Amino acid sequence: APSHVTADVRRTGPVAQLSDAEIRERMSGNICRCGAYPG
């Protein structure tokens, strides 16, 4: 499944490696009010 920041949305198959940008985008629906996002 692609995300908003996926470079090539036409690519099929598992995402080989998630970049930090991908992780942040895909987890953007969860808010941490303490700001523990780096961890």
Full PDB file with SEQRES, HELIX, SHEET, SSBOND, CRYST1, ORIGX, SCALE, CONECT and MASTER records, all heavy atoms in Angstrom:
SEQRES   1 A   39  ALA PRO SER HIS VAL THR ALA ASP VAL ARG ARG THR GLY          
SEQRES   2 A   39  PRO VAL ALA GLN LEU SER ASP ALA GLU ILE ARG GLU ARG          
SEQRES   3 A   39  MET SER GLY ASN ILE CYS ARG CYS GLY ALA TYR PRO GLY          
HELIX    1 AA1 ASP A   20  ARG A   26  1                                   7    
CRYST1    1.000    1.000    1.000  90.00  90.00  90.00 P 1           1          
ORIGX1      1.000000  0.000000  0.000000        0.00000                         
ORIGX2      0.000000  1.000000  0.000000        0.00000                         
ORIGX3      0.000000  0.000000  1.000000        0.00000                         
SCALE1      1.000000  0.000000  0.000000        0.00000                         
SCALE2      0.000000  1.000000  0.000000        0.00000                         
SCALE3      0.000000  0.000000  1.000000        0.00000                         
ATOM      1  N   ALA A   1       0.836  -1.195   0.000  1.00  0.00           N  
ATOM      2  CA  ALA A   1       0.000   0.000   0.000  1.00  0.00           C  
ATOM      3  C   ALA A   1       0.872   1.247   0.000  1.00  0.00           C  
ATOM      4  O   ALA A   1       1.748   1.394   0.854  1.00  0.00           O  
ATOM      5  CB  ALA A   1      -0.912   0.002   1.223  1.00  0.00           C  
ATOM      6  N   PRO A   2       0.666   2.178  -0.953  1.00  0.00           N  
ATOM      7  CA  PRO A   2       1.471   3.397  -0.990  1.00  0.00           C  
ATOM      8  C   PRO A   2       0.968   4.418   0.024  1.00  0.00           C  
ATOM      9  O   PRO A   2      -0.128   4.277   0.575  1.00  0.00           O  
ATOM     10  CB  PRO A   2       1.259   3.905  -2.421  1.00  0.00           C  
ATOM     11  CG  PRO A   2      -0.119   3.448  -2.762  1.00  0.00           C  
ATOM     12  CD  PRO A   2      -0.289   2.123  -2.073  1.00  0.00           C  
ATOM     13  N   SER A   3       1.785   5.429   0.267  1.00  0.00           N  
ATOM     14  CA  SER A   3       1.374   6.540   1.125  1.00  0.00           C  
ATOM     15  C   SER A   3       1.454   7.830   0.317  1.00  0.00           C  
ATOM     16  O   SER A   3       1.825   7.835  -0.857  1.00  0.00           O  
ATOM     17  CB  SER A   3       2.291   6.639   2.354  1.00  0.00           C  
ATOM     18  OG  SER A   3       3.539   7.226   2.006  1.00  0.00           O  
ATOM     19  N   HIS A   4       1.140   8.932   0.960  1.00  0.00           N  
ATOM     20  CA  HIS A   4       1.156  10.226   0.277  1.00  0.00           C  
ATOM     21  C   HIS A   4       2.560  10.610  -0.187  1.00  0.00           C  
ATOM     22  O   HIS A   4       2.722  11.362  -1.145  1.00  0.00           O  
ATOM     23  CB  HIS A   4       0.607  11.306   1.212  1.00  0.00           C  
ATOM     24  CG  HIS A   4       0.532  12.664   0.597  1.00  0.00           C  
ATOM     25  ND1 HIS A   4      -0.352  12.971  -0.418  1.00  0.00           N  
ATOM     26  CD2 HIS A   4       1.242  13.800   0.847  1.00  0.00           C  
ATOM     27  CE1 HIS A   4      -0.188  14.243  -0.759  1.00  0.00           C  
ATOM     28  NE2 HIS A   4       0.764  14.760  -0.009  1.00  0.00           N  
ATOM     29  N   VAL A   5       3.602  10.100   0.485  1.00  0.00           N  
ATOM     30  CA  VAL A   5       4.976  10.473   0.128  1.00  0.00           C  
ATOM     31  C   VAL A   5       5.698   9.370  -0.644  1.00  0.00           C  
ATOM     32  O   VAL A   5       6.896   9.489  -0.897  1.00  0.00           O  
ATOM     33  CB  VAL A   5       5.791  10.855   1.385  1.00  0.00           C  
ATOM     34  CG1 VAL A   5       5.177  12.049   2.099  1.00  0.00           C  
ATOM     35  CG2 VAL A   5       5.901   9.668   2.339  1.00  0.00           C  
ATOM     36  N   THR A   6       4.983   8.311  -1.012  1.00  0.00           N  
ATOM     37  CA  THR A   6       5.622   7.245  -1.789  1.00  0.00           C  
ATOM     38  C   THR A   6       6.070   7.791  -3.142  1.00  0.00           C  
ATOM     39  O   THR A   6       5.275   8.402  -3.873  1.00  0.00           O  
ATOM     40  CB  THR A   6       4.648   6.076  -2.003  1.00  0.00           C  
ATOM     41  OG1 THR A   6       4.263   5.558  -0.718  1.00  0.00           O  
ATOM     42  CG2 THR A   6       5.294   4.973  -2.815  1.00  0.00           C  
ATOM     43  N   ALA A   7       7.346   7.561  -3.475  1.00  0.00           N  
ATOM     44  CA  ALA A   7       7.898   8.142  -4.708  1.00  0.00           C  
ATOM     45  C   ALA A   7       7.266   7.538  -5.959  1.00  0.00           C  
ATOM     46  O   ALA A   7       6.936   8.246  -6.914  1.00  0.00           O  
ATOM     47  CB  ALA A   7       9.419   7.939  -4.734  1.00  0.00           C  
ATOM     48  N   ASP A   8       7.100   6.220  -5.969  1.00  0.00           N  
ATOM     49  CA  ASP A   8       6.567   5.545  -7.155  1.00  0.00           C  
ATOM     50  C   ASP A   8       5.345   4.728  -6.744  1.00  0.00           C  
ATOM     51  O   ASP A   8       5.457   3.603  -6.261  1.00  0.00           O  
ATOM     52  CB  ASP A   8       7.629   4.635  -7.777  1.00  0.00           C  
ATOM     53  CG  ASP A   8       7.160   3.987  -9.082  1.00  0.00           C  
ATOM     54  OD1 ASP A   8       6.039   4.319  -9.529  1.00  0.00           O  
ATOM     55  OD2 ASP A   8       7.897   3.163  -9.634  1.00  0.00           O  
ATOM     56  N   VAL A   9       4.161   5.307  -6.923  1.00  0.00           N  
ATOM     57  CA  VAL A   9       2.941   4.629  -6.495  1.00  0.00           C  
ATOM     58  C   VAL A   9       2.560   3.497  -7.448  1.00  0.00           C  
ATOM     59  O   VAL A   9       1.668   2.699  -7.140  1.00  0.00           O  
ATOM     60  CB  VAL A   9       1.770   5.629  -6.393  1.00  0.00           C  
ATOM     61  CG1 VAL A   9       2.048   6.665  -5.321  1.00  0.00           C  
ATOM     62  CG2 VAL A   9       1.498   6.300  -7.732  1.00  0.00           C  
ATOM     63  N   ARG A  10       3.234   3.428  -8.601  1.00  0.00           N  
ATOM     64  CA  ARG A  10       2.931   2.347  -9.554  1.00  0.00           C  
ATOM     65  C   ARG A  10       3.652   1.058  -9.203  1.00  0.00           C  
ATOM     66  O   ARG A  10       3.312  -0.010  -9.715  1.00  0.00           O  
ATOM     67  CB  ARG A  10       3.323   2.787 -10.970  1.00  0.00           C  
ATOM     68  CG  ARG A  10       2.510   3.971 -11.486  1.00  0.00           C  
ATOM     69  CD  ARG A  10       3.083   4.494 -12.780  1.00  0.00           C  
ATOM     70  NE  ARG A  10       4.446   4.979 -12.597  1.00  0.00           N  
ATOM     71  CZ  ARG A  10       5.197   5.496 -13.581  1.00  0.00           C  
ATOM     72  NH1 ARG A  10       4.691   5.559 -14.817  1.00  0.00           N  
ATOM     73  NH2 ARG A  10       6.415   5.927 -13.341  1.00  0.00           N  
ATOM     74  N   ARG A  11       4.637   1.163  -8.331  1.00  0.00           N  
ATOM     75  CA  ARG A  11       5.397  -0.024  -7.954  1.00  0.00           C  
ATOM     76  C   ARG A  11       4.510  -0.973  -7.146  1.00  0.00           C  
ATOM     77  O   ARG A  11       3.755  -0.552  -6.269  1.00  0.00           O  
ATOM     78  CB  ARG A  11       6.610   0.380  -7.113  1.00  0.00           C  
ATOM     79  CG  ARG A  11       7.538  -0.781  -6.752  1.00  0.00           C  
ATOM     80  CD  ARG A  11       8.678  -0.278  -5.868  1.00  0.00           C  
ATOM     81  NE  ARG A  11       9.586  -1.350  -5.505  1.00  0.00           N  
ATOM     82  CZ  ARG A  11       9.345  -2.230  -4.546  1.00  0.00           C  
ATOM     83  NH1 ARG A  11       8.223  -2.159  -3.851  1.00  0.00           N  
ATOM     84  NH2 ARG A  11      10.224  -3.180  -4.274  1.00  0.00           N  
ATOM     85  N   THR A  12       4.571  -2.247  -7.452  1.00  0.00           N  
ATOM     86  CA  THR A  12       3.783  -3.246  -6.734  1.00  0.00           C  
ATOM     87  C   THR A  12       4.679  -4.075  -5.839  1.00  0.00           C  
ATOM     88  O   THR A  12       5.908  -4.054  -5.962  1.00  0.00           O  
ATOM     89  CB  THR A  12       3.050  -4.173  -7.732  1.00  0.00           C  
ATOM     90  OG1 THR A  12       4.024  -4.833  -8.553  1.00  0.00           O  
ATOM     91  CG2 THR A  12       2.084  -3.385  -8.600  1.00  0.00           C  
ATOM     92  N   GLY A  13       4.065  -4.800  -4.922  1.00  0.00           N  
ATOM     93  CA  GLY A  13       4.830  -5.645  -4.008  1.00  0.00           C  
ATOM     94  C   GLY A  13       5.155  -4.928  -2.723  1.00  0.00           C  
ATOM     95  O   GLY A  13       4.902  -3.727  -2.559  1.00  0.00           O  
ATOM     96  N   PRO A  14       5.720  -5.634  -1.766  1.00  0.00           N  
ATOM     97  CA  PRO A  14       6.039  -5.046  -0.465  1.00  0.00           C  
ATOM     98  C   PRO A  14       6.990  -3.861  -0.578  1.00  0.00           C  
ATOM     99  O   PRO A  14       7.839  -3.816  -1.467  1.00  0.00           O  
ATOM    100  CB  PRO A  14       6.701  -6.208   0.294  1.00  0.00           C  
ATOM    101  CG  PRO A  14       6.261  -7.435  -0.427  1.00  0.00           C  
ATOM    102  CD  PRO A  14       6.093  -7.052  -1.855  1.00  0.00           C  
ATOM    103  N   VAL A  15       6.829  -2.914   0.335  1.00  0.00           N  
ATOM    104  CA  VAL A  15       7.760  -1.789   0.412  1.00  0.00           C  
ATOM    105  C   VAL A  15       9.042  -2.311   1.044  1.00  0.00           C  
ATOM    106  O   VAL A  15       9.040  -2.777   2.200  1.00  0.00           O  
ATOM    107  CB  VAL A  15       7.174  -0.636   1.244  1.00  0.00           C  
ATOM    108  CG1 VAL A  15       8.172   0.505   1.348  1.00  0.00           C  
ATOM    109  CG2 VAL A  15       5.867  -0.158   0.636  1.00  0.00           C  
ATOM    110  N   ALA A  16      10.130  -2.267   0.277  1.00  0.00           N  
ATOM    111  CA  ALA A  16      11.380  -2.888   0.729  1.00  0.00           C  
ATOM    112  C   ALA A  16      11.905  -2.251   2.002  1.00  0.00           C  
ATOM    113  O   ALA A  16      12.330  -2.926   2.935  1.00  0.00           O  
ATOM    114  CB  ALA A  16      12.424  -2.809  -0.382  1.00  0.00           C  
ATOM    115  N   GLN A  17      11.899  -0.928   2.048  1.00  0.00           N  
ATOM    116  CA  GLN A  17      12.435  -0.235   3.215  1.00  0.00           C  
ATOM    117  C   GLN A  17      11.697   1.079   3.397  1.00  0.00           C  
ATOM    118  O   GLN A  17      11.579   1.863   2.462  1.00  0.00           O  
ATOM    119  CB  GLN A  17      13.937   0.031   3.033  1.00  0.00           C  
ATOM    120  CG  GLN A  17      14.597   0.651   4.259  1.00  0.00           C  
ATOM    121  CD  GLN A  17      16.117   0.705   4.128  1.00  0.00           C  
ATOM    122  OE1 GLN A  17      16.707  -0.084   3.392  1.00  0.00           O  
ATOM    123  NE2 GLN A  17      16.740   1.624   4.837  1.00  0.00           N  
ATOM    124  N   LEU A  18      11.217   1.275   4.589  1.00  0.00           N  
ATOM    125  CA  LEU A  18      10.476   2.500   4.887  1.00  0.00           C  
ATOM    126  C   LEU A  18      11.442   3.583   5.343  1.00  0.00           C  
ATOM    127  O   LEU A  18      12.191   3.404   6.300  1.00  0.00           O  
ATOM    128  CB  LEU A  18       9.446   2.246   5.991  1.00  0.00           C  
ATOM    129  CG  LEU A  18       8.249   1.373   5.629  1.00  0.00           C  
ATOM    130  CD1 LEU A  18       7.428   1.083   6.880  1.00  0.00           C  
ATOM    131  CD2 LEU A  18       7.380   2.059   4.589  1.00  0.00           C  
ATOM    132  N   SER A  19      11.408   4.718   4.645  1.00  0.00           N  
ATOM    133  CA  SER A  19      12.210   5.860   5.080  1.00  0.00           C  
ATOM    134  C   SER A  19      11.533   6.507   6.279  1.00  0.00           C  
ATOM    135  O   SER A  19      10.368   6.234   6.592  1.00  0.00           O  
ATOM    136  CB  SER A  19      12.321   6.879   3.946  1.00  0.00           C  
ATOM    137  OG  SER A  19      11.045   7.429   3.659  1.00  0.00           O  
ATOM    138  N   ASP A  20      12.281   7.400   6.941  1.00  0.00           N  
ATOM    139  CA  ASP A  20      11.685   8.114   8.072  1.00  0.00           C  
ATOM    140  C   ASP A  20      10.495   8.940   7.619  1.00  0.00           C  
ATOM    141  O   ASP A  20       9.492   9.071   8.348  1.00  0.00           O  
ATOM    142  CB  ASP A  20      12.724   9.016   8.733  1.00  0.00           C  
ATOM    143  CG  ASP A  20      13.745   8.223   9.548  1.00  0.00           C  
ATOM    144  OD1 ASP A  20      13.631   6.972   9.594  1.00  0.00           O  
ATOM    145  OD2 ASP A  20      14.660   8.848  10.124  1.00  0.00           O  
ATOM    146  N   ALA A  21      10.571   9.515   6.422  1.00  0.00           N  
ATOM    147  CA  ALA A  21       9.459  10.306   5.894  1.00  0.00           C  
ATOM    148  C   ALA A  21       8.221   9.431   5.695  1.00  0.00           C  
ATOM    149  O   ALA A  21       7.097   9.843   5.992  1.00  0.00           O  
ATOM    150  CB  ALA A  21       9.854  10.972   4.576  1.00  0.00           C  
ATOM    151  N   GLU A  22       8.446   8.209   5.193  1.00  0.00           N  
ATOM    152  CA  GLU A  22       7.336   7.273   5.008  1.00  0.00           C  
ATOM    153  C   GLU A  22       6.712   6.910   6.356  1.00  0.00           C  
ATOM    154  O   GLU A  22       5.486   6.870   6.505  1.00  0.00           O  
ATOM    155  CB  GLU A  22       7.824   6.013   4.297  1.00  0.00           C  
ATOM    156  CG  GLU A  22       7.977   6.148   2.798  1.00  0.00           C  
ATOM    157  CD  GLU A  22       6.664   5.833   2.078  1.00  0.00           C  
ATOM    158  OE1 GLU A  22       5.598   5.827   2.729  1.00  0.00           O  
ATOM    159  OE2 GLU A  22       6.723   5.616   0.855  1.00  0.00           O  
ATOM    160  N   ILE A  23       7.559   6.633   7.335  1.00  0.00           N  
ATOM    161  CA  ILE A  23       7.046   6.250   8.659  1.00  0.00           C  
ATOM    162  C   ILE A  23       6.232   7.386   9.257  1.00  0.00           C  
ATOM    163  O   ILE A  23       5.129   7.176   9.777  1.00  0.00           O  
ATOM    164  CB  ILE A  23       8.207   5.858   9.596  1.00  0.00           C  
ATOM    165  CG1 ILE A  23       8.868   4.568   9.094  1.00  0.00           C  
ATOM    166  CG2 ILE A  23       7.710   5.677  11.033  1.00  0.00           C  
ATOM    167  CD1 ILE A  23      10.132   4.188   9.845  1.00  0.00           C  
ATOM    168  N   ARG A  24       6.770   8.608   9.183  1.00  0.00           N  
ATOM    169  CA  ARG A  24       6.045   9.757   9.740  1.00  0.00           C  
ATOM    170  C   ARG A  24       4.706   9.945   9.048  1.00  0.00           C  
ATOM    171  O   ARG A  24       3.685  10.206   9.702  1.00  0.00           O  
ATOM    172  CB  ARG A  24       6.895  11.017   9.630  1.00  0.00           C  
ATOM    173  CG  ARG A  24       8.047  11.080  10.635  1.00  0.00           C  
ATOM    174  CD  ARG A  24       8.651  12.483  10.680  1.00  0.00           C  
ATOM    175  NE  ARG A  24       9.326  12.801   9.431  1.00  0.00           N  
ATOM    176  CZ  ARG A  24      10.622  12.606   9.196  1.00  0.00           C  
ATOM    177  NH1 ARG A  24      11.382  12.057  10.149  1.00  0.00           N  
ATOM    178  NH2 ARG A  24      11.170  12.926   8.047  1.00  0.00           N  
ATOM    179  N   GLU A  25       4.694   9.829   7.725  1.00  0.00           N  
ATOM    180  CA  GLU A  25       3.444  10.007   6.985  1.00  0.00           C  
ATOM    181  C   GLU A  25       2.437   8.919   7.317  1.00  0.00           C  
ATOM    182  O   GLU A  25       1.257   9.188   7.563  1.00  0.00           O  
ATOM    183  CB  GLU A  25       3.740  10.002   5.482  1.00  0.00           C  
ATOM    184  CG  GLU A  25       2.503   9.987   4.587  1.00  0.00           C  
ATOM    185  CD  GLU A  25       1.610  11.192   4.779  1.00  0.00           C  
ATOM    186  OE1 GLU A  25       2.110  12.265   5.188  1.00  0.00           O  
ATOM    187  OE2 GLU A  25       0.401  11.064   4.516  1.00  0.00           O  
ATOM    188  N   ARG A  26       2.901   7.688   7.334  1.00  0.00           N  
ATOM    189  CA  ARG A  26       1.990   6.572   7.584  1.00  0.00           C  
ATOM    190  C   ARG A  26       1.486   6.537   9.027  1.00  0.00           C  
ATOM    191  O   ARG A  26       0.440   5.942   9.310  1.00  0.00           O  
ATOM    192  CB  ARG A  26       2.682   5.249   7.230  1.00  0.00           C  
ATOM    193  CG  ARG A  26       2.939   5.065   5.728  1.00  0.00           C  
ATOM    194  CD  ARG A  26       3.808   3.843   5.461  1.00  0.00           C  
ATOM    195  NE  ARG A  26       4.160   3.706   4.053  1.00  0.00           N  
ATOM    196  CZ  ARG A  26       3.466   2.980   3.163  1.00  0.00           C  
ATOM    197  NH1 ARG A  26       2.379   2.330   3.542  1.00  0.00           N  
ATOM    198  NH2 ARG A  26       3.869   2.901   1.911  1.00  0.00           N  
ATOM    199  N   MET A  27       2.208   7.172   9.940  1.00  0.00           N  
ATOM    200  CA  MET A  27       1.791   7.219  11.339  1.00  0.00           C  
ATOM    201  C   MET A  27       1.156   8.560  11.705  1.00  0.00           C  
ATOM    202  O   MET A  27       0.898   8.830  12.880  1.00  0.00           O  
ATOM    203  CB  MET A  27       2.999   6.960  12.252  1.00  0.00           C  
ATOM    204  CG  MET A  27       3.559   5.545  12.183  1.00  0.00           C  
ATOM    205  SD  MET A  27       2.430   4.329  12.898  1.00  0.00           S  
ATOM    206  CE  MET A  27       2.457   4.814  14.621  1.00  0.00           C  
ATOM    207  N   SER A  28       0.886   9.381  10.720  1.00  0.00           N  
ATOM    208  CA  SER A  28       0.434  10.752  11.008  1.00  0.00           C  
ATOM    209  C   SER A  28      -0.950  10.812  11.651  1.00  0.00           C  
ATOM    210  O   SER A  28      -1.333  11.842  12.205  1.00  0.00           O  
ATOM    211  CB  SER A  28       0.431  11.582   9.721  1.00  0.00           C  
ATOM    212  OG  SER A  28      -0.450  11.016   8.755  1.00  0.00           O  
ATOM    213  N   GLY A  29      -1.712   9.723  11.595  1.00  0.00           N  
ATOM    214  CA  GLY A  29      -3.018   9.719  12.243  1.00  0.00           C  
ATOM    215  C   GLY A  29      -2.961   9.523  13.743  1.00  0.00           C  
ATOM    216  O   GLY A  29      -3.989   9.598  14.416  1.00  0.00           O  
ATOM    217  N   ASN A  30      -1.775   9.274  14.283  1.00  0.00           N  
ATOM    218  CA  ASN A  30      -1.602   9.086  15.727  1.00  0.00           C  
ATOM    219  C   ASN A  30      -0.825  10.251  16.300  1.00  0.00           C  
ATOM    220  O   ASN A  30       0.311  10.508  15.892  1.00  0.00           O  
ATOM    221  CB  ASN A  30      -0.865   7.772  16.018  1.00  0.00           C  
ATOM    222  CG  ASN A  30      -1.707   6.563  15.681  1.00  0.00           C  
ATOM    223  OD1 ASN A  30      -1.853   6.206  14.516  1.00  0.00           O  
ATOM    224  ND2 ASN A  30      -2.273   5.940  16.696  1.00  0.00           N  
ATOM    225  N   ILE A  31      -1.435  10.940  17.239  1.00  0.00           N  
ATOM    226  CA  ILE A  31      -0.836  12.146  17.816  1.00  0.00           C  
ATOM    227  C   ILE A  31      -0.226  11.841  19.178  1.00  0.00           C  
ATOM    228  O   ILE A  31      -0.848  11.179  20.019  1.00  0.00           O  
ATOM    229  CB  ILE A  31      -1.889  13.254  17.964  1.00  0.00           C  
ATOM    230  CG1 ILE A  31      -2.394  13.677  16.580  1.00  0.00           C  
ATOM    231  CG2 ILE A  31      -1.331  14.456  18.704  1.00  0.00           C  
ATOM    232  CD1 ILE A  31      -3.544  14.653  16.629  1.00  0.00           C  
ATOM    233  N   CYS A  32       1.004  12.322  19.384  1.00  0.00           N  
ATOM    234  CA  CYS A  32       1.662  12.222  20.686  1.00  0.00           C  
ATOM    235  C   CYS A  32       1.806  13.634  21.232  1.00  0.00           C  
ATOM    236  O   CYS A  32       2.616  14.417  20.739  1.00  0.00           O  
ATOM    237  CB  CYS A  32       3.032  11.558  20.557  1.00  0.00           C  
ATOM    238  SG  CYS A  32       3.985  11.563  22.099  1.00  0.00           S  
ATOM    239  N   ARG A  33       1.033  13.969  22.240  1.00  0.00           N  
ATOM    240  CA  ARG A  33       1.078  15.330  22.791  1.00  0.00           C  
ATOM    241  C   ARG A  33       2.370  15.593  23.562  1.00  0.00           C  
ATOM    242  O   ARG A  33       2.722  16.726  23.814  1.00  0.00           O  
ATOM    243  CB  ARG A  33      -0.148  15.566  23.672  1.00  0.00           C  
ATOM    244  CG  ARG A  33      -1.440  15.627  22.881  1.00  0.00           C  
ATOM    245  CD  ARG A  33      -2.659  15.740  23.798  1.00  0.00           C  
ATOM    246  NE  ARG A  33      -3.877  15.897  23.034  1.00  0.00           N  
ATOM    247  CZ  ARG A  33      -4.574  14.898  22.506  1.00  0.00           C  
ATOM    248  NH1 ARG A  33      -4.138  13.651  22.684  1.00  0.00           N  
ATOM    249  NH2 ARG A  33      -5.671  15.112  21.830  1.00  0.00           N  
ATOM    250  N   CYS A  34       3.063  14.525  23.957  1.00  0.00           N  
ATOM    251  CA  CYS A  34       4.344  14.699  24.647  1.00  0.00           C  
ATOM    252  C   CYS A  34       5.483  14.973  23.670  1.00  0.00           C  
ATOM    253  O   CYS A  34       6.567  15.373  24.086  1.00  0.00           O  
ATOM    254  CB  CYS A  34       4.669  13.456  25.474  1.00  0.00           C  
ATOM    255  SG  CYS A  34       3.488  13.109  26.786  1.00  0.00           S  
ATOM    256  N   GLY A  35       5.274  14.696  22.401  1.00  0.00           N  
ATOM    257  CA  GLY A  35       6.310  14.955  21.401  1.00  0.00           C  
ATOM    258  C   GLY A  35       7.396  13.905  21.353  1.00  0.00           C  
ATOM    259  O   GLY A  35       8.562  14.224  21.072  1.00  0.00           O  
ATOM    260  N   ALA A  36       7.026  12.644  21.605  1.00  0.00           N  
ATOM    261  CA  ALA A  36       8.034  11.569  21.592  1.00  0.00           C  
ATOM    262  C   ALA A  36       8.222  10.990  20.199  1.00  0.00           C  
ATOM    263  O   ALA A  36       8.591   9.825  20.055  1.00  0.00           O  
ATOM    264  CB  ALA A  36       7.616  10.470  22.566  1.00  0.00           C  
ATOM    265  N   TYR A  37       8.007  11.783  19.175  1.00  0.00           N  
ATOM    266  CA  TYR A  37       8.054  11.290  17.801  1.00  0.00           C  
ATOM    267  C   TYR A  37       9.407  10.691  17.385  1.00  0.00           C  
ATOM    268  O   TYR A  37       9.421   9.672  16.684  1.00  0.00           O  
ATOM    269  CB  TYR A  37       7.648  12.401  16.823  1.00  0.00           C  
ATOM    270  CG  TYR A  37       6.211  12.837  16.975  1.00  0.00           C  
ATOM    271  CD1 TYR A  37       5.896  14.118  17.412  1.00  0.00           C  
ATOM    272  CD2 TYR A  37       5.163  11.966  16.687  1.00  0.00           C  
ATOM    273  CE1 TYR A  37       4.581  14.516  17.558  1.00  0.00           C  
ATOM    274  CE2 TYR A  37       3.846  12.355  16.830  1.00  0.00           C  
ATOM    275  CZ  TYR A  37       3.558  13.638  17.263  1.00  0.00           C  
ATOM    276  OH  TYR A  37       2.247  14.028  17.403  1.00  0.00           O  
ATOM    277  N   PRO A  38      10.553  11.280  17.760  1.00  0.00           N  
ATOM    278  CA  PRO A  38      11.828  10.659  17.355  1.00  0.00           C  
ATOM    279  C   PRO A  38      11.950   9.209  17.829  1.00  0.00           C  
ATOM    280  O   PRO A  38      12.393   8.331  17.073  1.00  0.00           O  
ATOM    281  CB  PRO A  38      12.885  11.561  17.996  1.00  0.00           C  
ATOM    282  CG  PRO A  38      12.212  12.896  18.102  1.00  0.00           C  
ATOM    283  CD  PRO A  38      10.791  12.576  18.437  1.00  0.00           C  
ATOM    284  N   GLY A  39      11.572   8.945  19.070  1.00  0.00           N  
ATOM    285  CA  GLY A  39      11.629   7.582  19.588  1.00  0.00           C  
ATOM    286  C   GLY A  39      10.632   6.668  18.893  1.00  0.00           C  
ATOM    287  O   GLY A  39      10.915   5.485  18.657  1.00  0.00           O  
TER     288      GLY A  39                                                      
MASTER        0    0    0    1    0    0    0    6  287    1    0    3          
END                                                                             
